[in-house]
Amino acid sequence: MSTATLSARPVRTVPFVPPFISSFVLPERFARVPAMAAVALLPWLAVLAVGHQTVWVVLDLVEFSALLSFDALLRRRGPAALWAGAAVALLLTGDALADIACAGPGHAVLAALVMAGFVELPLAAVCLLLGRDAAVRA
């Protein structure tokens, strides 16, 4: 028997999803969240650009492009949506950590914590769940 006969049918595997996560299903309306988050990031990019904060502009531009790419993969129901969602979540979590670590004392730390807790980390969780749902549907 040749190896061509053995590998004639591709094997499709579904990524492992822990049971406590697999039971939670996002409503369909959450599918547009990455695109809306990317659009909402544009005014903040303008504020950072005016303030000549190049490092933060570059990081947020990478997040912007990752969010739009993830949205495109979700709309096409591409199999890479799982990995794109994980990459966006990693970028957002890293941004939240960097914001908190680089914030000055007082109100700056409080603002970074509020942004992380109410915007960046929930958006990262939504991206992970959307990617998981896309991988299961594909």
Foldseek 3Di string as FASTA:
>chain_A
DDVCVVPVDDDDDFDDDDPVLVVDADDPVLLCVLVVVLVVCVVVLVVCVVVVVVVVNVLNVVLSVLSVVLSVCLVVLPLCNLVSLQVSLVSLVVVLVVQCVPFDPDVSNVVSVCCSVPPRNVSSVSSNNSSSVSNVVD
